[in-house]
Amino acid sequence: MRFLLTAAAIITLVPVASAADVKYQVRDTADLVDVCDTSTRAPDITTALAFCHGFLTGSAHFYYAGVPASSRFACAPNPAPSRSDVMNGFVQWTRANPQYMSEPAVETLFRYLGETYPCP
C-alpha cells in the first residue's frame, strides 16, 4: 500500500508530455537505427545516444531478468562489450540486413544479439 501511495505521489509530480513533446518514437527498427546511428551527428546527439543506450540496456535487462539462463539464445561474453560497441554493431548489422527495418525494434535487436553473442 505504501508503494502505491508513493508511486501515485510521484506520478502526480511528473508533467504529462503532449504529443508535441515526444522527441523519439520507436515504432520499428528503422526508427531505432535512426536514433542510434552516430553518423547522423544530429544537433541533439547526446540526447539521442542516451535514448538509444536506454532502449538497448532496458531491453537487455528485461530479457536477462525474464528468461532462464538455460533458455537464452543471446549471452553477454566476458568481458561484456560496451554499450557503444553493442549500439554501433547493431546499427551496422541492421544496415547490412535492411529486410528487418520494418520489424519491431526489440525483435531485430535480439536477432542481432543472438547472431553476434550466441550462448555457448
PDB file of N, CA and C in Angstrom:
ATOM      1  N   MET A   1       0.830  -1.188   0.000  1.00  0.00           N
ATOM      2  CA  MET A   1       0.000   0.000   0.000  1.00  0.00           C
ATOM      3  C   MET A   1       0.875   1.253   0.000  1.00  0.00           C
ATOM      4  N   ARG A   2       1.938   1.215   0.806  1.00  0.00           N
ATOM      5  CA  ARG A   2       2.830   2.374   0.870  1.00  0.00           C
ATOM      6  C   ARG A   2       3.465   2.637  -0.494  1.00  0.00           C
ATOM      7  N   PHE A   3       3.813   1.531  -1.197  1.00  0.00           N
ATOM      8  CA  PHE A   3       4.389   1.663  -2.530  1.00  0.00           C
ATOM      9  C   PHE A   3       3.407   2.368  -3.467  1.00  0.00           C
ATOM     10  N   LEU A   4       2.150   1.967  -3.418  1.00  0.00           N
ATOM     11  CA  LEU A   4       1.142   2.577  -4.291  1.00  0.00           C
ATOM     12  C   LEU A   4       0.974   4.060  -4.010  1.00  0.00           C
ATOM     13  N   LEU A   5       1.002   4.435  -2.743  1.00  0.00           N
ATOM     14  CA  LEU A   5       0.876   5.853  -2.401  1.00  0.00           C
ATOM     15  C   LEU A   5       2.090   6.641  -2.885  1.00  0.00           C
ATOM     16  N   THR A   6       3.278   6.055  -2.724  1.00  0.00           N
ATOM     17  CA  THR A   6       4.499   6.718  -3.199  1.00  0.00           C
ATOM     18  C   THR A   6       4.465   6.860  -4.713  1.00  0.00           C
ATOM     19  N   ALA A   7       4.081   5.789  -5.407  1.00  0.00           N
ATOM     20  CA  ALA A   7       4.006   5.838  -6.864  1.00  0.00           C
ATOM     21  C   ALA A   7       2.997   6.885  -7.315  1.00  0.00           C
ATOM     22  N   ALA A   8       1.850   6.949  -6.661  1.00  0.00           N
ATOM     23  CA  ALA A   8       0.830   7.935  -7.024  1.00  0.00           C
ATOM     24  C   ALA A   8       1.344   9.353  -6.817  1.00  0.00           C
ATOM     25  N   ALA A   9       2.084   9.569  -5.729  1.00  0.00           N
ATOM     26  CA  ALA A   9       2.636  10.898  -5.468  1.00  0.00           C
ATOM     27  C   ALA A   9       3.645  11.288  -6.537  1.00  0.00           C
ATOM     28  N   ILE A  10       4.481  10.355  -6.930  1.00  0.00           N
ATOM     29  CA  ILE A  10       5.486  10.641  -7.959  1.00  0.00           C
ATOM     30  C   ILE A  10       4.809  10.929  -9.291  1.00  0.00           C
ATOM     31  N   ILE A  11       3.813  10.128  -9.637  1.00  0.00           N
ATOM     32  CA  ILE A  11       3.126  10.315 -10.916  1.00  0.00           C
ATOM     33  C   ILE A  11       2.476  11.688 -10.996  1.00  0.00           C
ATOM     34  N   THR A  12       1.934  12.164  -9.902  1.00  0.00           N
ATOM     35  CA  THR A  12       1.291  13.479  -9.937  1.00  0.00           C
ATOM     36  C   THR A  12       2.297  14.603 -10.085  1.00  0.00           C
ATOM     37  N   LEU A  13       3.552  14.346  -9.724  1.00  0.00           N
ATOM     38  CA  LEU A  13       4.582  15.375  -9.834  1.00  0.00           C
ATOM     39  C   LEU A  13       5.231  15.415 -11.213  1.00  0.00           C
ATOM     40  N   VAL A  14       5.091  14.341 -11.976  1.00  0.00           N
ATOM     41  CA  VAL A  14       5.709  14.264 -13.293  1.00  0.00           C
ATOM     42  C   VAL A  14       4.790  14.942 -14.300  1.00  0.00           C
ATOM     43  N   PRO A  15       5.307  15.916 -15.060  1.00  0.00           N
ATOM     44  CA  PRO A  15       4.462  16.577 -16.053  1.00  0.00           C
ATOM     45  C   PRO A  15       4.060  15.605 -17.155  1.00  0.00           C
ATOM     46  N   VAL A  16       2.857  15.764 -17.628  1.00  0.00           N
ATOM     47  CA  VAL A  16       2.365  14.918 -18.711  1.00  0.00           C
ATOM     48  C   VAL A  16       2.891  15.480 -20.021  1.00  0.00           C
ATOM     49  N   ALA A  17       3.487  14.608 -20.826  1.00  0.00           N
ATOM     50  CA  ALA A  17       4.045  15.036 -22.110  1.00  0.00           C
ATOM     51  C   ALA A  17       2.967  15.001 -23.179  1.00  0.00           C
ATOM     52  N   SER A  18       2.897  16.050 -23.941  1.00  0.00           N
ATOM     53  CA  SER A  18       1.963  16.059 -25.065  1.00  0.00           C
ATOM     54  C   SER A  18       2.634  15.412 -26.259  1.00  0.00           C
ATOM     55  N   ALA A  19       1.870  15.150 -27.300  1.00  0.00           N
ATOM     56  CA  ALA A  19       2.435  14.531 -28.497  1.00  0.00           C
ATOM     57  C   ALA A  19       3.542  15.390 -29.088  1.00  0.00           C
ATOM     58  N   ALA A  20       3.453  16.710 -28.930  1.00  0.00           N
ATOM     59  CA  ALA A  20       4.471  17.612 -29.476  1.00  0.00           C
ATOM     60  C   ALA A  20       5.784  17.503 -28.702  1.00  0.00           C
ATOM     61  N   ASP A  21       5.720  17.024 -27.444  1.00  0.00           N
ATOM     62  CA  ASP A  21       6.922  16.900 -26.627  1.00  0.00           C
ATOM     63  C   ASP A  21       7.704  15.627 -26.918  1.00  0.00           C
ATOM     64  N   VAL A  22       7.128  14.689 -27.630  1.00  0.00           N
ATOM     65  CA  VAL A  22       7.775  13.415 -27.885  1.00  0.00           C
ATOM     66  C   VAL A  22       8.866  13.624 -28.926  1.00  0.00           C
ATOM     67  N   LYS A  23      10.105  13.408 -28.497  1.00  0.00           N
ATOM     68  CA  LYS A  23      11.244  13.624 -29.381  1.00  0.00           C
ATOM     69  C   LYS A  23      11.540  12.386 -30.219  1.00  0.00           C
ATOM     70  N   TYR A  24      11.512  11.232 -29.563  1.00  0.00           N
ATOM     71  CA  TYR A  24      11.845   9.985 -30.250  1.00  0.00           C
ATOM     72  C   TYR A  24      10.709   8.999 -30.083  1.00  0.00           C
ATOM     73  N   GLN A  25      10.341   8.369 -31.174  1.00  0.00           N
ATOM     74  CA  GLN A  25       9.367   7.292 -31.143  1.00  0.00           C
ATOM     75  C   GLN A  25       9.985   6.103 -31.862  1.00  0.00           C
ATOM     76  N   VAL A  26       9.952   4.972 -31.209  1.00  0.00           N
ATOM     77  CA  VAL A  26      10.499   3.765 -31.812  1.00  0.00           C
ATOM     78  C   VAL A  26       9.312   2.879 -32.201  1.00  0.00           C
ATOM     79  N   ARG A  27       8.857   3.083 -33.424  1.00  0.00           N
ATOM     80  CA  ARG A  27       7.740   2.299 -33.934  1.00  0.00           C
ATOM     81  C   ARG A  27       8.219   1.036 -34.628  1.00  0.00           C
ATOM     82  N   ASP A  28       9.479   1.059 -35.090  1.00  0.00           N
ATOM     83  CA  ASP A  28      10.052  -0.096 -35.773  1.00  0.00           C
ATOM     84  C   ASP A  28      11.575   0.004 -35.715  1.00  0.00           C
ATOM     85  N   THR A  29      12.243  -0.956 -36.319  1.00  0.00           N
ATOM     86  CA  THR A  29      13.707  -0.999 -36.290  1.00  0.00           C
ATOM     87  C   THR A  29      14.324   0.230 -36.941  1.00  0.00           C
ATOM     88  N   ALA A  30      13.736   0.697 -38.036  1.00  0.00           N
ATOM     89  CA  ALA A  30      14.282   1.872 -38.720  1.00  0.00           C
ATOM     90  C   ALA A  30      14.327   3.082 -37.782  1.00  0.00           C
ATOM     91  N   ASP A  31      13.292   3.250 -36.968  1.00  0.00           N
ATOM     92  CA  ASP A  31      13.285   4.366 -36.014  1.00  0.00           C
ATOM     93  C   ASP A  31      14.419   4.239 -35.009  1.00  0.00           C
ATOM     94  N   LEU A  32      14.624   3.032 -34.489  1.00  0.00           N
ATOM     95  CA  LEU A  32      15.698   2.847 -33.504  1.00  0.00           C
ATOM     96  C   LEU A  32      17.065   3.063 -34.136  1.00  0.00           C
ATOM     97  N   VAL A  33      17.256   2.564 -35.341  1.00  0.00           N
ATOM     98  CA  VAL A  33      18.537   2.759 -36.031  1.00  0.00           C
ATOM     99  C   VAL A  33      18.792   4.241 -36.266  1.00  0.00           C
ATOM    100  N   ASP A  34      17.763   4.992 -36.635  1.00  0.00           N
ATOM    101  CA  ASP A  34      17.927   6.431 -36.841  1.00  0.00           C
ATOM    102  C   ASP A  34      18.377   7.134 -35.564  1.00  0.00           C
ATOM    103  N   VAL A  35      17.843   6.714 -34.428  1.00  0.00           N
ATOM    104  CA  VAL A  35      18.231   7.328 -33.153  1.00  0.00           C
ATOM    105  C   VAL A  35      19.639   6.910 -32.757  1.00  0.00           C
ATOM    106  N   CYS A  36      19.982   5.647 -32.995  1.00  0.00           N
ATOM    107  CA  CYS A  36      21.262   5.101 -32.533  1.00  0.00           C
ATOM    108  C   CYS A  36      22.442   5.386 -33.460  1.00  0.00           C
ATOM    109  N   ASP A  37      22.181   5.792 -34.686  1.00  0.00           N
ATOM    110  CA  ASP A  37      23.248   5.991 -35.672  1.00  0.00           C
ATOM    111  C   ASP A  37      24.019   7.269 -35.372  1.00  0.00           C
ATOM    112  N   THR A  38      25.252   7.121 -34.919  1.00  0.00           N
ATOM    113  CA  THR A  38      26.072   8.285 -34.555  1.00  0.00           C
ATOM    114  C   THR A  38      26.582   9.035 -35.784  1.00  0.00           C
ATOM    115  N   SER A  39      26.464   8.446 -36.958  1.00  0.00           N
ATOM    116  CA  SER A  39      26.948   9.137 -38.158  1.00  0.00           C
ATOM    117  C   SER A  39      26.040  10.287 -38.552  1.00  0.00           C
ATOM    118  N   THR A  40      24.828  10.339 -37.992  1.00  0.00           N
ATOM    119  CA  THR A  40      23.913  11.419 -38.355  1.00  0.00           C
ATOM    120  C   THR A  40      24.353  12.745 -37.748  1.00  0.00           C
ATOM    121  N   ARG A  41      25.021  12.694 -36.615  1.00  0.00           N
ATOM    122  CA  ARG A  41      25.517  13.904 -35.927  1.00  0.00           C
ATOM    123  C   ARG A  41      24.421  14.951 -35.770  1.00  0.00           C
ATOM    124  N   ALA A  42      23.275  14.478 -35.331  1.00  0.00           N
ATOM    125  CA  ALA A  42      22.152  15.384 -35.079  1.00  0.00           C
ATOM    126  C   ALA A  42      22.555  16.410 -34.036  1.00  0.00           C
ATOM    127  N   PRO A  43      21.923  17.576 -34.043  1.00  0.00           N
ATOM    128  CA  PRO A  43      22.273  18.610 -33.060  1.00  0.00           C
ATOM    129  C   PRO A  43      22.054  18.135 -31.623  1.00  0.00           C
ATOM    130  N   ASP A  44      21.171  17.170 -31.439  1.00  0.00           N
ATOM    131  CA  ASP A  44      20.910  16.655 -30.097  1.00  0.00           C
ATOM    132  C   ASP A  44      21.473  15.246 -29.942  1.00  0.00           C
ATOM    133  N   ILE A  45      22.669  15.016 -30.482  1.00  0.00           N
ATOM    134  CA  ILE A  45      23.270  13.682 -30.493  1.00  0.00           C
ATOM    135  C   ILE A  45      23.398  13.093 -29.084  1.00  0.00           C
ATOM    136  N   THR A  46      23.673  13.904 -28.089  1.00  0.00           N
ATOM    137  CA  THR A  46      23.808  13.400 -26.723  1.00  0.00           C
ATOM    138  C   THR A  46      22.483  12.822 -26.233  1.00  0.00           C
ATOM    139  N   THR A  47      21.396  13.511 -26.489  1.00  0.00           N
ATOM    140  CA  THR A  47      20.078  13.024 -26.091  1.00  0.00           C
ATOM    141  C   THR A  47      19.720  11.767 -26.866  1.00  0.00           C
ATOM    142  N   ALA A  48      20.004  11.763 -28.153  1.00  0.00           N
ATOM    143  CA  ALA A  48      19.703  10.588 -28.983  1.00  0.00           C
ATOM    144  C   ALA A  48      20.465   9.370 -28.490  1.00  0.00           C
ATOM    145  N   LEU A  49      21.742   9.534 -28.189  1.00  0.00           N
ATOM    146  CA  LEU A  49      22.538   8.407 -27.724  1.00  0.00           C
ATOM    147  C   LEU A  49      22.078   7.927 -26.354  1.00  0.00           C
ATOM    148  N   ALA A  50      21.694   8.842 -25.498  1.00  0.00           N
ATOM    149  CA  ALA A  50      21.177   8.446 -24.186  1.00  0.00           C
ATOM    150  C   ALA A  50      19.884   7.649 -24.352  1.00  0.00           C
ATOM    151  N   PHE A  51      19.016   8.086 -25.255  1.00  0.00           N
ATOM    152  CA  PHE A  51      17.778   7.349 -25.528  1.00  0.00           C
ATOM    153  C   PHE A  51      18.102   5.957 -26.059  1.00  0.00           C
ATOM    154  N   CYS A  52      19.010   5.878 -27.012  1.00  0.00           N
ATOM    155  CA  CYS A  52      19.390   4.604 -27.611  1.00  0.00           C
ATOM    156  C   CYS A  52      19.970   3.666 -26.553  1.00  0.00           C
ATOM    157  N   HIS A  53      20.924   4.155 -25.776  1.00  0.00           N
ATOM    158  CA  HIS A  53      21.533   3.323 -24.732  1.00  0.00           C
ATOM    159  C   HIS A  53      20.466   2.843 -23.752  1.00  0.00           C
ATOM    160  N   GLY A  54      19.529   3.706 -23.413  1.00  0.00           N
ATOM    161  CA  GLY A  54      18.460   3.322 -22.502  1.00  0.00           C
ATOM    162  C   GLY A  54      17.579   2.233 -23.083  1.00  0.00           C
ATOM    163  N   PHE A  55      17.241   2.350 -24.369  1.00  0.00           N
ATOM    164  CA  PHE A  55      16.418   1.336 -25.033  1.00  0.00           C
ATOM    165  C   PHE A  55      17.145   0.004 -25.048  1.00  0.00           C
ATOM    166  N   LEU A  56      18.406   0.017 -25.455  1.00  0.00           N
ATOM    167  CA  LEU A  56      19.175  -1.229 -25.555  1.00  0.00           C
ATOM    168  C   LEU A  56      19.387  -1.864 -24.183  1.00  0.00           C
ATOM    169  N   THR A  57      19.778  -1.051 -23.218  1.00  0.00           N
ATOM    170  CA  THR A  57      20.039  -1.565 -21.874  1.00  0.00           C
ATOM    171  C   THR A  57      18.756  -2.077 -21.224  1.00  0.00           C
ATOM    172  N   GLY A  58      17.677  -1.325 -21.341  1.00  0.00           N
ATOM    173  CA  GLY A  58      16.410  -1.756 -20.776  1.00  0.00           C
ATOM    174  C   GLY A  58      15.924  -3.057 -21.389  1.00  0.00           C
ATOM    175  N   SER A  59      16.063  -3.199 -22.694  1.00  0.00           N
ATOM    176  CA  SER A  59      15.665  -4.434 -23.371  1.00  0.00           C
ATOM    177  C   SER A  59      16.489  -5.613 -22.871  1.00  0.00           C
ATOM    178  N   ALA A  60      17.794  -5.411 -22.746  1.00  0.00           N
ATOM    179  CA  ALA A  60      18.671  -6.487 -22.280  1.00  0.00           C
ATOM    180  C   ALA A  60      18.355  -6.878 -20.836  1.00  0.00           C
ATOM    181  N   HIS A  61      18.158  -5.898 -19.977  1.00  0.00           N
ATOM    182  CA  HIS A  61      17.839  -6.206 -18.582  1.00  0.00           C
ATOM    183  C   HIS A  61      16.524  -6.972 -18.476  1.00  0.00           C
ATOM    184  N   PHE A  62      15.531  -6.571 -19.255  1.00  0.00           N
ATOM    185  CA  PHE A  62      14.242  -7.255 -19.253  1.00  0.00           C
ATOM    186  C   PHE A  62      14.418  -8.705 -19.699  1.00  0.00           C
ATOM    187  N   TYR A  63      15.200  -8.923 -20.742  1.00  0.00           N
ATOM    188  CA  TYR A  63      15.458 -10.269 -21.264  1.00  0.00           C
ATOM    189  C   TYR A  63      16.150 -11.131 -20.222  1.00  0.00           C
ATOM    190  N   TYR A  64      17.252 -10.626 -19.669  1.00  0.00           N
ATOM    191  CA  TYR A  64      18.013 -11.423 -18.712  1.00  0.00           C
ATOM    192  C   TYR A  64      17.251 -11.665 -17.411  1.00  0.00           C
ATOM    193  N   ALA A  65      16.360 -10.778 -17.050  1.00  0.00           N
ATOM    194  CA  ALA A  65      15.562 -10.974 -15.844  1.00  0.00           C
ATOM    195  C   ALA A  65      14.422 -11.966 -16.076  1.00  0.00           C
ATOM    196  N   GLY A  66      13.928 -12.060 -17.293  1.00  0.00           N
ATOM    197  CA  GLY A  66      12.747 -12.866 -17.550  1.00  0.00           C
ATOM    198  C   GLY A  66      12.968 -14.209 -18.208  1.00  0.00           C
ATOM    199  N   VAL A  67      14.154 -14.426 -18.756  1.00  0.00           N
ATOM    200  CA  VAL A  67      14.414 -15.679 -19.457  1.00  0.00           C
ATOM    201  C   VAL A  67      15.436 -16.486 -18.660  1.00  0.00           C
ATOM    202  N   PRO A  68      15.081 -17.702 -18.270  1.00  0.00           N
ATOM    203  CA  PRO A  68      16.041 -18.529 -17.532  1.00  0.00           C
ATOM    204  C   PRO A  68      17.314 -18.754 -18.346  1.00  0.00           C
ATOM    205  N   ALA A  69      18.433 -18.844 -17.672  1.00  0.00           N
ATOM    206  CA  ALA A  69      19.730 -18.991 -18.350  1.00  0.00           C
ATOM    207  C   ALA A  69      19.728 -20.177 -19.314  1.00  0.00           C
ATOM    208  N   SER A  70      19.051 -21.244 -18.978  1.00  0.00           N
ATOM    209  CA  SER A  70      19.039 -22.436 -19.829  1.00  0.00           C
ATOM    210  C   SER A  70      18.247 -22.234 -21.124  1.00  0.00           C
ATOM    211  N   SER A  71      17.432 -21.183 -21.194  1.00  0.00           N
ATOM    212  CA  SER A  71      16.604 -20.923 -22.372  1.00  0.00           C
ATOM    213  C   SER A  71      17.096 -19.759 -23.219  1.00  0.00           C
ATOM    214  N   ARG A  72      18.165 -19.114 -22.821  1.00  0.00           N
ATOM    215  CA  ARG A  72      18.645 -17.935 -23.543  1.00  0.00           C
ATOM    216  C   ARG A  72      19.349 -18.314 -24.836  1.00  0.00           C
ATOM    217  N   PHE A  73      19.162 -17.477 -25.843  1.00  0.00           N
ATOM    218  CA  PHE A  73      19.857 -17.654 -27.118  1.00  0.00           C
ATOM    219  C   PHE A  73      20.907 -16.578 -27.330  1.00  0.00           C
ATOM    220  N   ALA A  74      20.878 -15.525 -26.519  1.00  0.00           N
ATOM    221  CA  ALA A  74      21.880 -14.450 -26.579  1.00  0.00           C
ATOM    222  C   ALA A  74      22.508 -14.337 -25.201  1.00  0.00           C
ATOM    223  N   CYS A  75      23.827 -14.365 -25.156  1.00  0.00           N
ATOM    224  CA  CYS A  75      24.544 -14.298 -23.883  1.00  0.00           C
ATOM    225  C   CYS A  75      25.683 -13.284 -23.991  1.00  0.00           C
ATOM    226  N   ALA A  76      25.819 -12.475 -22.971  1.00  0.00           N
ATOM    227  CA  ALA A  76      26.907 -11.490 -22.956  1.00  0.00           C
ATOM    228  C   ALA A  76      28.227 -12.214 -22.739  1.00  0.00           C
ATOM    229  N   PRO A  77      29.224 -11.916 -23.564  1.00  0.00           N
ATOM    230  CA  PRO A  77      30.537 -12.526 -23.354  1.00  0.00           C
ATOM    231  C   PRO A  77      31.212 -11.906 -22.139  1.00  0.00           C
ATOM    232  N   ASN A  78      32.280 -12.529 -21.706  1.00  0.00           N
ATOM    233  CA  ASN A  78      33.065 -11.990 -20.590  1.00  0.00           C
ATOM    234  C   ASN A  78      34.468 -11.714 -21.106  1.00  0.00           C
ATOM    235  N   PRO A  79      34.901 -10.485 -21.141  1.00  0.00           N
ATOM    236  CA  PRO A  79      34.231  -9.289 -20.654  1.00  0.00           C
ATOM    237  C   PRO A  79      33.125  -8.845 -21.614  1.00  0.00           C
ATOM    238  N   ALA A  80      32.128  -8.222 -21.048  1.00  0.00           N
ATOM    239  CA  ALA A  80      30.996  -7.749 -21.840  1.00  0.00           C
ATOM    240  C   ALA A  80      31.418  -6.565 -22.707  1.00  0.00           C
ATOM    241  N   PRO A  81      30.849  -6.440 -23.893  1.00  0.00           N
ATOM    242  CA  PRO A  81      31.151  -5.279 -24.739  1.00  0.00           C
ATOM    243  C   PRO A  81      30.540  -4.016 -24.125  1.00  0.00           C
ATOM    244  N   SER A  82      31.056  -2.883 -24.507  1.00  0.00           N
ATOM    245  CA  SER A  82      30.495  -1.620 -24.017  1.00  0.00           C
ATOM    246  C   SER A  82      29.143  -1.380 -24.685  1.00  0.00           C
ATOM    247  N   ARG A  83      28.339  -0.526 -24.074  1.00  0.00           N
ATOM    248  CA  ARG A  83      27.053  -0.167 -24.680  1.00  0.00           C
ATOM    249  C   ARG A  83      27.269   0.439 -26.059  1.00  0.00           C
ATOM    250  N   SER A  84      28.299   1.262 -26.194  1.00  0.00           N
ATOM    251  CA  SER A  84      28.578   1.890 -27.500  1.00  0.00           C
ATOM    252  C   SER A  84      28.953   0.847 -28.540  1.00  0.00           C
ATOM    253  N   ASP A  85      29.723  -0.167 -28.146  1.00  0.00           N
ATOM    254  CA  ASP A  85      30.087  -1.224 -29.093  1.00  0.00           C
ATOM    255  C   ASP A  85      28.854  -1.988 -29.558  1.00  0.00           C
ATOM    256  N   VAL A  86      27.953  -2.306 -28.623  1.00  0.00           N
ATOM    257  CA  VAL A  86      26.721  -3.008 -28.997  1.00  0.00           C
ATOM    258  C   VAL A  86      25.879  -2.121 -29.900  1.00  0.00           C
ATOM    259  N   MET A  87      25.747  -0.854 -29.534  1.00  0.00           N
ATOM    260  CA  MET A  87      24.942   0.081 -30.317  1.00  0.00           C
ATOM    261  C   MET A  87      25.491   0.206 -31.735  1.00  0.00           C
ATOM    262  N   ASN A  88      26.782   0.439 -31.864  1.00  0.00           N
ATOM    263  CA  ASN A  88      27.380   0.605 -33.192  1.00  0.00           C
ATOM    264  C   ASN A  88      27.289  -0.683 -34.004  1.00  0.00           C
ATOM    265  N   GLY A  89      27.503  -1.821 -33.345  1.00  0.00           N
ATOM    266  CA  GLY A  89      27.376  -3.103 -34.027  1.00  0.00           C
ATOM    267  C   GLY A  89      25.958  -3.346 -34.512  1.00  0.00           C
ATOM    268  N   PHE A  90      24.984  -2.994 -33.675  1.00  0.00           N
ATOM    269  CA  PHE A  90      23.573  -3.144 -34.050  1.00  0.00           C
ATOM    270  C   PHE A  90      23.246  -2.289 -35.271  1.00  0.00           C
ATOM    271  N   VAL A  91      23.700  -1.050 -35.273  1.00  0.00           N
ATOM    272  CA  VAL A  91      23.434  -0.155 -36.410  1.00  0.00           C
ATOM    273  C   VAL A  91      24.058  -0.725 -37.682  1.00  0.00           C
ATOM    274  N   GLN A  92      25.315  -1.149 -37.613  1.00  0.00           N
ATOM    275  CA  GLN A  92      25.990  -1.692 -38.794  1.00  0.00           C
ATOM    276  C   GLN A  92      25.315  -2.971 -39.278  1.00  0.00           C
ATOM    277  N   TRP A  93      24.988  -3.862 -38.353  1.00  0.00           N
ATOM    278  CA  TRP A  93      24.351  -5.129 -38.703  1.00  0.00           C
ATOM    279  C   TRP A  93      22.993  -4.886 -39.359  1.00  0.00           C
ATOM    280  N   THR A  94      22.233  -3.950 -38.788  1.00  0.00           N
ATOM    281  CA  THR A  94      20.902  -3.676 -39.319  1.00  0.00           C
ATOM    282  C   THR A  94      20.980  -3.027 -40.690  1.00  0.00           C
ATOM    283  N   ARG A  95      21.934  -2.140 -40.882  1.00  0.00           N
ATOM    284  CA  ARG A  95      22.102  -1.521 -42.209  1.00  0.00           C
ATOM    285  C   ARG A  95      22.465  -2.591 -43.253  1.00  0.00           C
ATOM    286  N   ALA A  96      23.196  -3.631 -42.820  1.00  0.00           N
ATOM    287  CA  ALA A  96      23.557  -4.726 -43.729  1.00  0.00           C
ATOM    288  C   ALA A  96      22.406  -5.718 -43.904  1.00  0.00           C
ATOM    289  N   ASN A  97      21.381  -5.621 -43.072  1.00  0.00           N
ATOM    290  CA  ASN A  97      20.218  -6.506 -43.125  1.00  0.00           C
ATOM    291  C   ASN A  97      18.928  -5.678 -43.174  1.00  0.00           C
ATOM    292  N   PRO A  98      18.749  -4.893 -44.231  1.00  0.00           N
ATOM    293  CA  PRO A  98      17.622  -3.956 -44.281  1.00  0.00           C
ATOM    294  C   PRO A  98      16.251  -4.623 -44.297  1.00  0.00           C
ATOM    295  N   GLN A  99      16.195  -5.911 -44.521  1.00  0.00           N
ATOM    296  CA  GLN A  99      14.899  -6.601 -44.532  1.00  0.00           C
ATOM    297  C   GLN A  99      14.209  -6.559 -43.173  1.00  0.00           C
ATOM    298  N   TYR A 100      14.940  -6.194 -42.123  1.00  0.00           N
ATOM    299  CA  TYR A 100      14.357  -6.124 -40.779  1.00  0.00           C
ATOM    300  C   TYR A 100      13.931  -4.712 -40.372  1.00  0.00           C
ATOM    301  N   MET A 101      14.128  -3.734 -41.221  1.00  0.00           N
ATOM    302  CA  MET A 101      13.856  -2.344 -40.844  1.00  0.00           C
ATOM    303  C   MET A 101      12.399  -2.089 -40.450  1.00  0.00           C
ATOM    304  N   SER A 102      11.460  -2.815 -40.994  1.00  0.00           N
ATOM    305  CA  SER A 102      10.057  -2.587 -40.645  1.00  0.00           C
ATOM    306  C   SER A 102       9.581  -3.490 -39.502  1.00  0.00           C
ATOM    307  N   GLU A 103      10.458  -4.338 -39.000  1.00  0.00           N
ATOM    308  CA  GLU A 103      10.121  -5.224 -37.883  1.00  0.00           C
ATOM    309  C   GLU A 103      10.145  -4.454 -36.566  1.00  0.00           C
ATOM    310  N   PRO A 104       9.505  -4.984 -35.521  1.00  0.00           N
ATOM    311  CA  PRO A 104       9.614  -4.344 -34.198  1.00  0.00           C
ATOM    312  C   PRO A 104      11.079  -4.263 -33.774  1.00  0.00           C
ATOM    313  N   ALA A 105      11.472  -3.127 -33.245  1.00  0.00           N
ATOM    314  CA  ALA A 105      12.878  -2.881 -32.913  1.00  0.00           C
ATOM    315  C   ALA A 105      13.454  -3.907 -31.951  1.00  0.00           C
ATOM    316  N   VAL A 106      12.699  -4.287 -30.940  1.00  0.00           N
ATOM    317  CA  VAL A 106      13.225  -5.219 -29.945  1.00  0.00           C
ATOM    318  C   VAL A 106      13.452  -6.600 -30.564  1.00  0.00           C
ATOM    319  N   GLU A 107      12.622  -6.993 -31.526  1.00  0.00           N
ATOM    320  CA  GLU A 107      12.838  -8.278 -32.193  1.00  0.00           C
ATOM    321  C   GLU A 107      14.121  -8.262 -33.006  1.00  0.00           C
ATOM    322  N   THR A 108      14.359  -7.173 -33.716  1.00  0.00           N
ATOM    323  CA  THR A 108      15.581  -7.065 -34.508  1.00  0.00           C
ATOM    324  C   THR A 108      16.797  -6.971 -33.606  1.00  0.00           C
ATOM    325  N   LEU A 109      16.676  -6.250 -32.497  1.00  0.00           N
ATOM    326  CA  LEU A 109      17.780  -6.168 -31.540  1.00  0.00           C
ATOM    327  C   LEU A 109      18.182  -7.563 -31.082  1.00  0.00           C
ATOM    328  N   PHE A 110      17.218  -8.391 -30.726  1.00  0.00           N
ATOM    329  CA  PHE A 110      17.562  -9.727 -30.235  1.00  0.00           C
ATOM    330  C   PHE A 110      17.978 -10.671 -31.346  1.00  0.00           C
ATOM    331  N   ARG A 111      17.548 -10.432 -32.557  1.00  0.00           N
ATOM    332  CA  ARG A 111      18.068 -11.201 -33.693  1.00  0.00           C
ATOM    333  C   ARG A 111      19.570 -10.899 -33.829  1.00  0.00           C
ATOM    334  N   TYR A 112      19.917  -9.601 -33.749  1.00  0.00           N
ATOM    335  CA  TYR A 112      21.327  -9.193 -33.801  1.00  0.00           C
ATOM    336  C   TYR A 112      22.114  -9.791 -32.636  1.00  0.00           C
ATOM    337  N   LEU A 113      21.595  -9.659 -31.427  1.00  0.00           N
ATOM    338  CA  LEU A 113      22.309 -10.164 -30.249  1.00  0.00           C
ATOM    339  C   LEU A 113      22.503 -11.676 -30.328  1.00  0.00           C
ATOM    340  N   GLY A 114      21.488 -12.392 -30.785  1.00  0.00           N
ATOM    341  CA  GLY A 114      21.598 -13.843 -30.903  1.00  0.00           C
ATOM    342  C   GLY A 114      22.636 -14.270 -31.916  1.00  0.00           C
ATOM    343  N   GLU A 115      22.758 -13.524 -33.008  1.00  0.00           N
ATOM    344  CA  GLU A 115      23.762 -13.843 -34.024  1.00  0.00           C
ATOM    345  C   GLU A 115      25.164 -13.417 -33.595  1.00  0.00           C
ATOM    346  N   THR A 116      25.243 -12.293 -32.909  1.00  0.00           N
ATOM    347  CA  THR A 116      26.541 -11.729 -32.544  1.00  0.00           C
ATOM    348  C   THR A 116      27.081 -12.300 -31.237  1.00  0.00           C
ATOM    349  N   TYR A 117      26.206 -12.556 -30.292  1.00  0.00           N
ATOM    350  CA  TYR A 117      26.596 -13.055 -28.970  1.00  0.00           C
ATOM    351  C   TYR A 117      25.791 -14.302 -28.608  1.00  0.00           C
ATOM    352  N   PRO A 118      25.935 -15.375 -29.421  1.00  0.00           N
ATOM    353  CA  PRO A 118      25.151 -16.580 -29.118  1.00  0.00           C
ATOM    354  C   PRO A 118      25.622 -17.222 -27.814  1.00  0.00           C
ATOM    355  N   CYS A 119      24.722 -17.922 -27.176  1.00  0.00           N
ATOM    356  CA  CYS A 119      25.084 -18.639 -25.948  1.00  0.00           C
ATOM    357  C   CYS A 119      25.916 -19.862 -26.318  1.00  0.00           C
ATOM    358  N   PRO A 120      26.862 -20.190 -25.454  1.00  0.00           N
ATOM    359  CA  PRO A 120      27.699 -21.363 -25.733  1.00  0.00           C
ATOM    360  C   PRO A 120      26.908 -22.669 -25.665  1.00  0.00           C
TER     361      PRO A 120
END
